[in-house]
Amino acid sequence: MDRHLDGWHSPSLNKYMEIVTYGYYGFPLLLFPTAAADYLEYERFYMIEVIREQIDAGKVKVFSINSINRESWLSPHMHPYHMAIRQMQYNDYICNEVVPYIWHSCQGRIGIITCGASLGAFHAANQLFRRPDLFDGMIAMSGSYDIRGYIRSDYYDDNIYFNNPVDYLPRLEDDYFLSRLRQKQHIHIVSGQGDYENPDASRRLSGILSAKGIPHELDLWGYDMPHDWPTWRSMIRYYLAAKL
């Protein structure tokens, strides 16, 4: 399996950001780390290994990036105003730097599928719903899609609103975005129902998408599937083999 490490100083974030690519060919899958982890997390926890067959066969080309969660939603001392500003800068990094990098690597504007587990699922969903002109779908595993759960105050502003899918999606009326979301064929919301999982968060997001006429799949796995890496390895292997 081809593995390529890269990185650059991001003007959007004013810091060096790494990226790793697995494979030569296939549709691009963009991975967002869980919690405060880094761009090699999915490799360390054998998520890349369980999809090696699809990578080596040229079905998928995987890109994994760093998060800024420690500098935003997971920072214990940062004011929510600054958390949201940092998230907006991360959005710029994704759209203005990572997406062109992926397209250059794939030699064309090929549809990108976002993917992540836990807090990475929030990022995967948020990027797709904010920019359906750039992303073609998502695999969101064991996510929560209400970012207010990470804010330790009643503070709220536009930057929080526009990064909180359960708030901005119900009020989305712009046909430019809605029409594109309604054309997507690969919006997969997946959750276990075992220890530390929150399937109601997935049900809530599914209900919002249904009300807006956005096609998607809500897939709730069993009560034996906890919020942990064995669950996510099974999910990503299944979705890449059977759904994409």
Protein backbone atom coordinates (compact mmCIF):
# COMPACT_ATOMS: atom_id res chain seq x y z
CA MET A 1 0.00 0.00 0.00
CA ASP A 2 1.36 3.38 -1.00
CA ARG A 3 1.69 5.81 1.93
CA HIS A 4 2.74 9.43 1.47
CA LEU A 5 3.36 11.96 4.27
CA ASP A 6 3.08 15.65 3.48
CA GLY A 7 2.26 18.99 5.06
CA TRP A 8 2.51 22.75 4.76
CA HIS A 9 2.23 25.92 6.76
CA SER A 10 -1.46 26.75 6.59
CA PRO A 11 -2.23 30.43 5.99
CA SER A 12 -5.76 29.84 7.26
CA LEU A 13 -4.58 28.46 10.62
CA ASN A 14 -1.09 30.02 10.80
CA LYS A 15 0.46 26.69 11.75
CA TYR A 16 2.02 23.66 10.10
CA MET A 17 -0.59 21.02 9.24
CA GLU A 18 0.26 17.46 8.24
CA ILE A 19 -1.61 15.15 5.89
CA VAL A 20 -1.12 11.50 4.97
CA THR A 21 -2.33 9.82 1.79
CA TYR A 22 -2.92 6.09 1.33
CA GLY A 23 -3.20 4.62 -2.14
CA TYR A 24 -2.81 5.74 -5.75
CA TYR A 25 -6.31 5.66 -7.25
CA GLY A 26 -10.00 5.65 -6.39
CA PHE A 27 -12.50 8.13 -5.04
CA PRO A 28 -11.09 10.38 -2.29
CA LEU A 29 -12.07 9.67 1.33
CA LEU A 30 -11.20 12.48 3.76
CA LEU A 31 -10.75 11.35 7.38
CA PHE A 32 -11.22 13.65 10.39
CA PRO A 33 -9.64 12.50 13.68
CA THR A 34 -11.57 11.83 16.86
CA ALA A 35 -11.35 14.22 19.82
CA ALA A 36 -7.86 15.68 20.24
CA ALA A 37 -6.04 13.19 18.03
CA ASP A 38 -3.84 13.68 14.98
CA TYR A 39 -3.64 12.74 11.32
CA LEU A 40 -2.08 9.31 12.02
CA GLU A 41 -4.73 8.21 14.52
CA TYR A 42 -6.67 6.07 12.05
CA GLU A 43 -3.47 4.29 11.09
CA ARG A 44 -2.51 3.63 14.72
CA PHE A 45 -5.91 2.11 15.46
CA TYR A 46 -5.83 -0.15 12.38
CA MET A 47 -8.64 1.63 10.52
CA ILE A 48 -6.39 1.89 7.47
CA GLU A 49 -5.41 -1.76 7.72
CA VAL A 50 -9.01 -3.00 7.64
CA ILE A 51 -9.63 -1.15 4.35
CA ARG A 52 -6.26 -2.05 2.83
CA GLU A 53 -7.96 -4.30 0.26
CA GLN A 54 -10.06 -1.43 -1.10
CA ILE A 55 -7.05 0.89 -1.11
CA ASP A 56 -4.78 -1.59 -2.89
CA ALA A 57 -7.52 -2.36 -5.42
CA GLY A 58 -7.74 1.30 -6.40
CA LYS A 59 -11.30 1.71 -5.15
CA VAL A 60 -10.48 4.46 -2.65
CA LYS A 61 -7.68 6.93 -2.04
CA VAL A 62 -7.60 7.95 1.62
CA PHE A 63 -6.50 11.33 3.00
CA SER A 64 -6.18 11.85 6.76
CA ILE A 65 -5.64 15.28 8.32
CA ASN A 66 -5.02 16.88 11.70
CA SER A 67 -7.73 18.40 13.86
CA ILE A 68 -7.67 21.69 15.77
CA ASN A 69 -10.02 20.44 18.47
CA ARG A 70 -7.54 21.21 21.28
CA GLU A 71 -7.54 24.81 20.06
CA SER A 72 -11.30 25.08 19.84
CA TRP A 73 -14.12 22.93 21.23
CA LEU A 74 -11.91 20.87 23.56
CA SER A 75 -9.96 23.78 25.04
CA PRO A 76 -10.80 24.05 28.76
CA HIS A 77 -9.94 27.74 29.01
CA MET A 78 -10.97 29.26 25.66
CA HIS A 79 -14.04 31.49 25.41
CA PRO A 80 -16.69 30.11 23.01
CA TYR A 81 -16.25 33.17 20.79
CA HIS A 82 -12.65 32.14 20.12
CA MET A 83 -13.57 28.45 19.82
CA ALA A 84 -15.92 29.28 16.97
CA ILE A 85 -13.42 31.61 15.30
CA ARG A 86 -10.87 28.80 15.28
CA GLN A 87 -13.45 26.46 13.79
CA MET A 88 -14.14 29.00 11.02
CA GLN A 89 -10.41 29.13 10.30
CA TYR A 90 -10.38 25.32 10.16
CA ASN A 91 -13.25 25.45 7.67
CA ASP A 92 -11.15 27.76 5.50
CA TYR A 93 -8.21 25.38 5.76
CA ILE A 94 -10.37 22.45 4.63
CA CYS A 95 -12.07 24.23 1.75
CA ASN A 96 -9.24 26.44 0.48
CA GLU A 97 -6.23 24.19 1.13
CA VAL A 98 -7.14 20.53 1.71
CA VAL A 99 -9.75 20.21 -1.03
CA PRO A 100 -7.45 21.65 -3.75
CA TYR A 101 -4.66 19.39 -2.46
CA ILE A 102 -6.91 16.34 -2.84
CA TRP A 103 -8.05 17.37 -6.31
CA HIS A 104 -4.45 17.90 -7.39
CA SER A 105 -3.51 14.49 -6.00
CA CYS A 106 -6.45 12.86 -7.80
CA GLN A 107 -5.79 14.85 -10.99
CA GLY A 108 -9.30 16.25 -11.17
CA ARG A 109 -12.33 17.53 -9.26
CA ILE A 110 -13.39 14.08 -8.08
CA GLY A 111 -16.19 13.86 -5.51
CA ILE A 112 -14.83 13.76 -1.95
CA ILE A 113 -16.51 11.67 0.77
CA THR A 114 -15.93 12.92 4.32
CA CYS A 115 -15.59 10.42 7.15
CA GLY A 116 -14.98 10.43 10.87
CA ALA A 117 -15.82 8.82 14.19
CA SER A 118 -16.98 10.54 17.39
CA LEU A 119 -15.99 14.23 17.15
CA GLY A 120 -14.61 13.43 13.71
CA ALA A 121 -18.17 12.58 12.65
CA PHE A 122 -19.25 16.11 13.58
CA HIS A 123 -16.52 17.53 11.34
CA ALA A 124 -17.38 15.17 8.50
CA ALA A 125 -21.04 16.22 8.66
CA ASN A 126 -20.37 19.92 9.18
CA GLN A 127 -18.08 20.16 6.16
CA LEU A 128 -20.56 18.38 3.89
CA PHE A 129 -23.60 20.35 5.00
CA ARG A 130 -21.80 23.68 4.81
CA ARG A 131 -20.22 23.00 1.41
CA PRO A 132 -22.18 20.45 -0.63
CA ASP A 133 -20.60 22.01 -3.71
CA LEU A 134 -17.22 20.60 -2.60
CA PHE A 135 -18.17 17.29 -0.96
CA ASP A 136 -20.22 14.40 -2.33
CA GLY A 137 -21.20 12.55 0.82
CA MET A 138 -20.17 11.36 4.27
CA ILE A 139 -19.79 8.40 6.57
CA ALA A 140 -20.43 9.80 10.06
CA MET A 141 -19.86 7.21 12.79
CA SER A 142 -21.00 7.59 16.40
CA GLY A 143 -21.29 11.35 16.17
CA SER A 144 -23.01 14.14 18.03
CA TYR A 145 -24.12 17.00 15.82
CA ASP A 146 -24.92 19.65 18.42
CA ILE A 147 -21.65 21.46 19.15
CA ARG A 148 -23.20 23.28 22.10
CA GLY A 149 -22.42 20.21 24.17
CA TYR A 150 -18.79 21.36 24.17
CA ILE A 151 -19.54 24.94 25.26
CA ARG A 152 -19.41 25.55 28.99
CA SER A 153 -21.56 28.69 28.98
CA ASP A 154 -24.71 30.18 27.49
CA TYR A 155 -22.71 32.20 24.97
CA TYR A 156 -23.93 31.90 21.38
CA ASP A 157 -23.13 33.78 18.18
CA ASP A 158 -23.34 33.44 14.40
CA ASN A 159 -20.07 31.51 14.12
CA ILE A 160 -21.37 28.90 16.55
CA TYR A 161 -24.73 28.78 14.77
CA PHE A 162 -23.18 28.26 11.34
CA ASN A 163 -21.08 25.38 12.67
CA ASN A 164 -23.93 23.64 14.47
CA PRO A 165 -25.77 21.36 12.04
CA VAL A 166 -28.81 20.83 14.27
CA ASP A 167 -29.36 24.59 14.25
CA TYR A 168 -28.57 25.72 10.72
CA LEU A 169 -29.96 22.71 8.80
CA PRO A 170 -33.62 23.10 9.91
CA ARG A 171 -33.53 26.75 8.74
CA LEU A 172 -31.69 26.08 5.48
CA GLU A 173 -33.73 27.48 2.59
CA ASP A 174 -31.06 28.51 0.07
CA ASP A 175 -31.69 26.46 -3.06
CA TYR A 176 -28.00 26.56 -4.00
CA PHE A 177 -27.24 24.37 -0.97
CA LEU A 178 -30.51 22.47 -0.61
CA SER A 179 -30.64 21.32 -4.22
CA ARG A 180 -27.11 19.97 -3.98
CA LEU A 181 -27.77 18.17 -0.70
CA ARG A 182 -30.92 16.63 -2.15
CA GLN A 183 -28.85 15.12 -4.95
CA LYS A 184 -26.41 13.31 -2.67
CA GLN A 185 -26.43 9.52 -2.73
CA HIS A 186 -24.00 8.80 0.09
CA ILE A 187 -25.02 10.48 3.33
CA HIS A 188 -24.57 7.70 5.92
CA ILE A 189 -25.30 8.36 9.60
CA VAL A 190 -24.11 5.36 11.59
CA SER A 191 -24.09 4.60 15.29
CA GLY A 192 -23.79 1.67 17.63
CA GLN A 193 -26.20 1.31 20.53
CA GLY A 194 -23.79 -0.12 23.06
CA ASP A 195 -21.78 1.45 25.88
CA TYR A 196 -21.12 5.20 25.58
CA GLU A 197 -22.92 5.47 22.26
CA ASN A 198 -25.58 8.13 21.67
CA PRO A 199 -27.87 6.84 18.92
CA ASP A 200 -30.42 9.56 19.69
CA ALA A 201 -27.97 12.12 18.28
CA SER A 202 -28.00 10.21 15.00
CA ARG A 203 -31.78 9.90 15.10
CA ARG A 204 -32.08 13.65 15.65
CA LEU A 205 -29.88 14.48 12.66
CA SER A 206 -31.75 11.96 10.53
CA GLY A 207 -35.06 13.57 11.45
CA ILE A 208 -33.79 16.99 10.42
CA LEU A 209 -32.56 15.69 7.06
CA SER A 210 -35.86 13.89 6.44
CA ALA A 211 -37.80 17.10 7.14
CA LYS A 212 -35.65 18.94 4.56
CA GLY A 213 -36.05 16.22 1.93
CA ILE A 214 -32.36 15.31 2.00
CA PRO A 215 -31.82 11.60 1.19
CA HIS A 216 -29.66 9.72 3.66
CA GLU A 217 -29.25 6.43 5.50
CA LEU A 218 -29.66 6.12 9.26
CA ASP A 219 -27.95 2.87 10.27
CA LEU A 220 -28.11 1.89 13.95
CA TRP A 221 -25.96 -1.10 14.81
CA GLY A 222 -26.52 -3.41 17.76
CA TYR A 223 -26.36 -3.02 21.52
CA ASP A 224 -23.11 -4.99 21.41
CA MET A 225 -21.41 -2.15 19.48
CA PRO A 226 -19.82 0.34 21.92
CA HIS A 227 -18.29 3.76 21.27
CA ASP A 228 -14.87 2.33 20.49
CA TRP A 229 -12.43 1.41 17.74
CA PRO A 230 -13.61 -2.17 17.06
CA THR A 231 -17.05 -0.73 16.21
CA TRP A 232 -15.62 1.89 13.85
CA ARG A 233 -13.31 -0.61 12.16
CA SER A 234 -16.31 -2.82 11.41
CA MET A 235 -18.34 0.14 10.16
CA ILE A 236 -15.77 1.59 7.79
CA ARG A 237 -14.89 -1.84 6.39
CA TYR A 238 -18.57 -2.55 5.73
CA TYR A 239 -19.32 0.81 4.13
CA LEU A 240 -16.34 0.79 1.81
CA ALA A 241 -17.03 -2.80 0.75
CA ALA A 242 -20.81 -2.68 0.41
CA LYS A 243 -22.06 0.89 0.10
CA LEU A 244 -19.54 2.99 -1.84
